Amino acid sequence: MAIDDRFEDLEPRKAKPAPKDLTVMGVAEIEAYIATLEAEIARARAAIAAKQAQKSAAEAFFRKG
């Protein structure tokens, strides 16, 4: 059995979602879609900030010793 055969059945953990077709959406729908995306971006940025704060706290804790 070749090494590549073992990985043949493996699938990526998550497939990237297809972009929405904006041509079939009205202006109000696109604006609502943008608001949803902006909320998700804000949530992702908050998660990054929390992880950075946690990392900084851990680094500060281990520097004191």
N, C-alpha and C. Protein backbone atom coordinates (compact mmCIF):
# COMPACT_ATOMS: atom_id res chain seq x y z
N MET A 1 0.85 -1.18 0.00
CA MET A 1 0.00 0.00 0.00
C MET A 1 0.89 1.24 0.00
N ALA A 2 0.65 2.12 -0.93
CA ALA A 2 1.41 3.36 -1.00
C ALA A 2 0.93 4.33 0.08
N ILE A 3 1.81 5.21 0.48
CA ILE A 3 1.47 6.18 1.53
C ILE A 3 0.28 7.03 1.11
N ASP A 4 0.23 7.42 -0.14
CA ASP A 4 -0.86 8.28 -0.61
C ASP A 4 -2.21 7.60 -0.54
N ASP A 5 -2.25 6.27 -0.63
CA ASP A 5 -3.52 5.54 -0.57
C ASP A 5 -4.20 5.70 0.78
N ARG A 6 -3.42 5.86 1.85
CA ARG A 6 -4.00 5.99 3.18
C ARG A 6 -4.77 7.30 3.34
N PHE A 7 -4.39 8.31 2.61
CA PHE A 7 -4.99 9.63 2.77
C PHE A 7 -6.06 9.92 1.72
N GLU A 8 -6.32 8.96 0.88
CA GLU A 8 -7.26 9.16 -0.21
C GLU A 8 -8.68 9.46 0.28
N ASP A 9 -9.11 8.80 1.36
CA ASP A 9 -10.47 8.97 1.86
C ASP A 9 -10.64 10.15 2.81
N LEU A 10 -9.55 10.78 3.19
CA LEU A 10 -9.65 11.89 4.13
C LEU A 10 -10.20 13.12 3.42
N GLU A 11 -11.09 13.81 4.11
CA GLU A 11 -11.67 15.04 3.56
C GLU A 11 -11.24 16.20 4.44
N PRO A 12 -11.22 17.40 3.88
CA PRO A 12 -10.90 18.55 4.73
C PRO A 12 -11.92 18.67 5.86
N ARG A 13 -11.47 19.23 6.98
CA ARG A 13 -12.37 19.36 8.13
C ARG A 13 -13.59 20.19 7.79
N LYS A 14 -13.38 21.32 7.15
CA LYS A 14 -14.49 22.19 6.80
C LYS A 14 -14.26 22.71 5.38
N ALA A 15 -15.28 22.58 4.57
CA ALA A 15 -15.19 23.15 3.23
C ALA A 15 -15.55 24.63 3.31
N LYS A 16 -14.90 25.42 2.49
CA LYS A 16 -15.21 26.85 2.48
C LYS A 16 -16.58 27.05 1.85
N PRO A 17 -17.41 27.88 2.47
CA PRO A 17 -18.73 28.13 1.88
C PRO A 17 -18.61 28.92 0.58
N ALA A 18 -19.50 28.64 -0.32
CA ALA A 18 -19.50 29.37 -1.60
C ALA A 18 -19.96 30.80 -1.35
N PRO A 19 -19.36 31.76 -2.05
CA PRO A 19 -19.81 33.15 -1.89
C PRO A 19 -21.26 33.30 -2.32
N LYS A 20 -21.96 34.20 -1.65
CA LYS A 20 -23.36 34.45 -2.02
C LYS A 20 -23.42 35.14 -3.37
N ASP A 21 -24.46 34.83 -4.10
CA ASP A 21 -24.70 35.48 -5.38
C ASP A 21 -25.39 36.81 -5.11
N LEU A 22 -24.63 37.88 -5.17
CA LEU A 22 -25.16 39.20 -4.87
C LEU A 22 -26.04 39.77 -5.99
N THR A 23 -25.94 39.19 -7.16
CA THR A 23 -26.71 39.73 -8.29
C THR A 23 -28.20 39.49 -8.14
N VAL A 24 -28.60 38.51 -7.34
CA VAL A 24 -30.02 38.22 -7.17
C VAL A 24 -30.60 38.91 -5.93
N MET A 25 -29.77 39.65 -5.21
CA MET A 25 -30.21 40.31 -3.98
C MET A 25 -30.50 41.77 -4.24
N GLY A 26 -31.47 42.30 -3.52
CA GLY A 26 -31.76 43.73 -3.58
C GLY A 26 -30.80 44.50 -2.68
N VAL A 27 -30.87 45.81 -2.79
CA VAL A 27 -29.98 46.68 -2.01
C VAL A 27 -30.16 46.45 -0.51
N ALA A 28 -31.40 46.38 -0.05
CA ALA A 28 -31.67 46.17 1.38
C ALA A 28 -31.12 44.82 1.85
N GLU A 29 -31.25 43.81 1.01
CA GLU A 29 -30.73 42.48 1.36
C GLU A 29 -29.21 42.49 1.44
N ILE A 30 -28.58 43.18 0.52
CA ILE A 30 -27.12 43.27 0.54
C ILE A 30 -26.65 44.04 1.77
N GLU A 31 -27.35 45.12 2.11
CA GLU A 31 -26.99 45.88 3.31
C GLU A 31 -27.15 45.04 4.57
N ALA A 32 -28.20 44.23 4.63
CA ALA A 32 -28.39 43.33 5.78
C ALA A 32 -27.30 42.28 5.81
N TYR A 33 -26.91 41.79 4.65
CA TYR A 33 -25.82 40.81 4.55
C TYR A 33 -24.51 41.41 5.03
N ILE A 34 -24.24 42.65 4.64
CA ILE A 34 -23.04 43.35 5.09
C ILE A 34 -23.06 43.52 6.61
N ALA A 35 -24.21 43.87 7.17
CA ALA A 35 -24.32 44.03 8.63
C ALA A 35 -24.02 42.71 9.33
N THR A 36 -24.51 41.61 8.77
CA THR A 36 -24.23 40.29 9.35
C THR A 36 -22.73 39.99 9.30
N LEU A 37 -22.11 40.28 8.16
CA LEU A 37 -20.67 40.05 8.02
C LEU A 37 -19.86 40.92 8.98
N GLU A 38 -20.27 42.18 9.13
CA GLU A 38 -19.56 43.08 10.05
C GLU A 38 -19.69 42.60 11.49
N ALA A 39 -20.85 42.07 11.85
CA ALA A 39 -21.03 41.52 13.21
C ALA A 39 -20.12 40.31 13.41
N GLU A 40 -19.98 39.49 12.40
CA GLU A 40 -19.10 38.32 12.49
C GLU A 40 -17.64 38.74 12.58
N ILE A 41 -17.27 39.77 11.85
CA ILE A 41 -15.90 40.30 11.93
C ILE A 41 -15.63 40.83 13.33
N ALA A 42 -16.58 41.55 13.91
CA ALA A 42 -16.42 42.08 15.27
C ALA A 42 -16.27 40.93 16.27
N ARG A 43 -17.05 39.87 16.07
CA ARG A 43 -16.95 38.71 16.96
C ARG A 43 -15.57 38.05 16.84
N ALA A 44 -15.06 37.94 15.62
CA ALA A 44 -13.74 37.35 15.39
C ALA A 44 -12.65 38.22 16.01
N ARG A 45 -12.78 39.54 15.86
CA ARG A 45 -11.78 40.45 16.46
C ARG A 45 -11.79 40.36 17.98
N ALA A 46 -12.97 40.22 18.57
CA ALA A 46 -13.07 40.07 20.02
C ALA A 46 -12.41 38.77 20.47
N ALA A 47 -12.57 37.71 19.70
CA ALA A 47 -11.95 36.44 20.03
C ALA A 47 -10.43 36.55 19.95
N ILE A 48 -9.94 37.26 18.96
CA ILE A 48 -8.49 37.48 18.83
C ILE A 48 -7.97 38.27 20.02
N ALA A 49 -8.68 39.34 20.39
CA ALA A 49 -8.26 40.16 21.53
C ALA A 49 -8.23 39.33 22.82
N ALA A 50 -9.23 38.49 23.01
CA ALA A 50 -9.27 37.65 24.21
C ALA A 50 -8.11 36.67 24.23
N LYS A 51 -7.79 36.08 23.11
CA LYS A 51 -6.68 35.13 23.03
C LYS A 51 -5.34 35.84 23.25
N GLN A 52 -5.20 37.04 22.70
CA GLN A 52 -3.97 37.80 22.90
C GLN A 52 -3.81 38.19 24.37
N ALA A 53 -4.90 38.58 25.03
CA ALA A 53 -4.85 38.93 26.45
C ALA A 53 -4.48 37.71 27.28
N GLN A 54 -5.04 36.57 26.93
CA GLN A 54 -4.73 35.33 27.65
C GLN A 54 -3.25 34.97 27.47
N LYS A 55 -2.74 35.11 26.26
CA LYS A 55 -1.34 34.82 25.99
C LYS A 55 -0.44 35.77 26.75
N SER A 56 -0.78 37.06 26.76
CA SER A 56 0.02 38.06 27.49
C SER A 56 0.03 37.76 28.98
N ALA A 57 -1.11 37.38 29.52
CA ALA A 57 -1.20 37.05 30.95
C ALA A 57 -0.34 35.84 31.27
N ALA A 58 -0.36 34.84 30.41
CA ALA A 58 0.45 33.64 30.62
C ALA A 58 1.94 33.98 30.54
N GLU A 59 2.32 34.80 29.57
CA GLU A 59 3.72 35.19 29.43
C GLU A 59 4.17 35.99 30.65
N ALA A 60 3.33 36.89 31.14
CA ALA A 60 3.68 37.67 32.32
C ALA A 60 3.80 36.78 33.55
N PHE A 61 2.94 35.80 33.68
CA PHE A 61 3.00 34.89 34.82
C PHE A 61 4.31 34.11 34.83
N PHE A 62 4.71 33.61 33.68
CA PHE A 62 5.91 32.79 33.64
C PHE A 62 7.19 33.60 33.66
N ARG A 63 7.14 34.90 33.35
CA ARG A 63 8.30 35.77 33.46
C ARG A 63 8.63 36.09 34.91
N LYS A 64 7.60 36.15 35.77
CA LYS A 64 7.80 36.53 37.17
C LYS A 64 8.59 35.48 37.92
N GLY A 65 8.49 34.22 37.54
CA GLY A 65 9.13 33.13 38.26
C GLY A 65 10.58 33.13 38.08
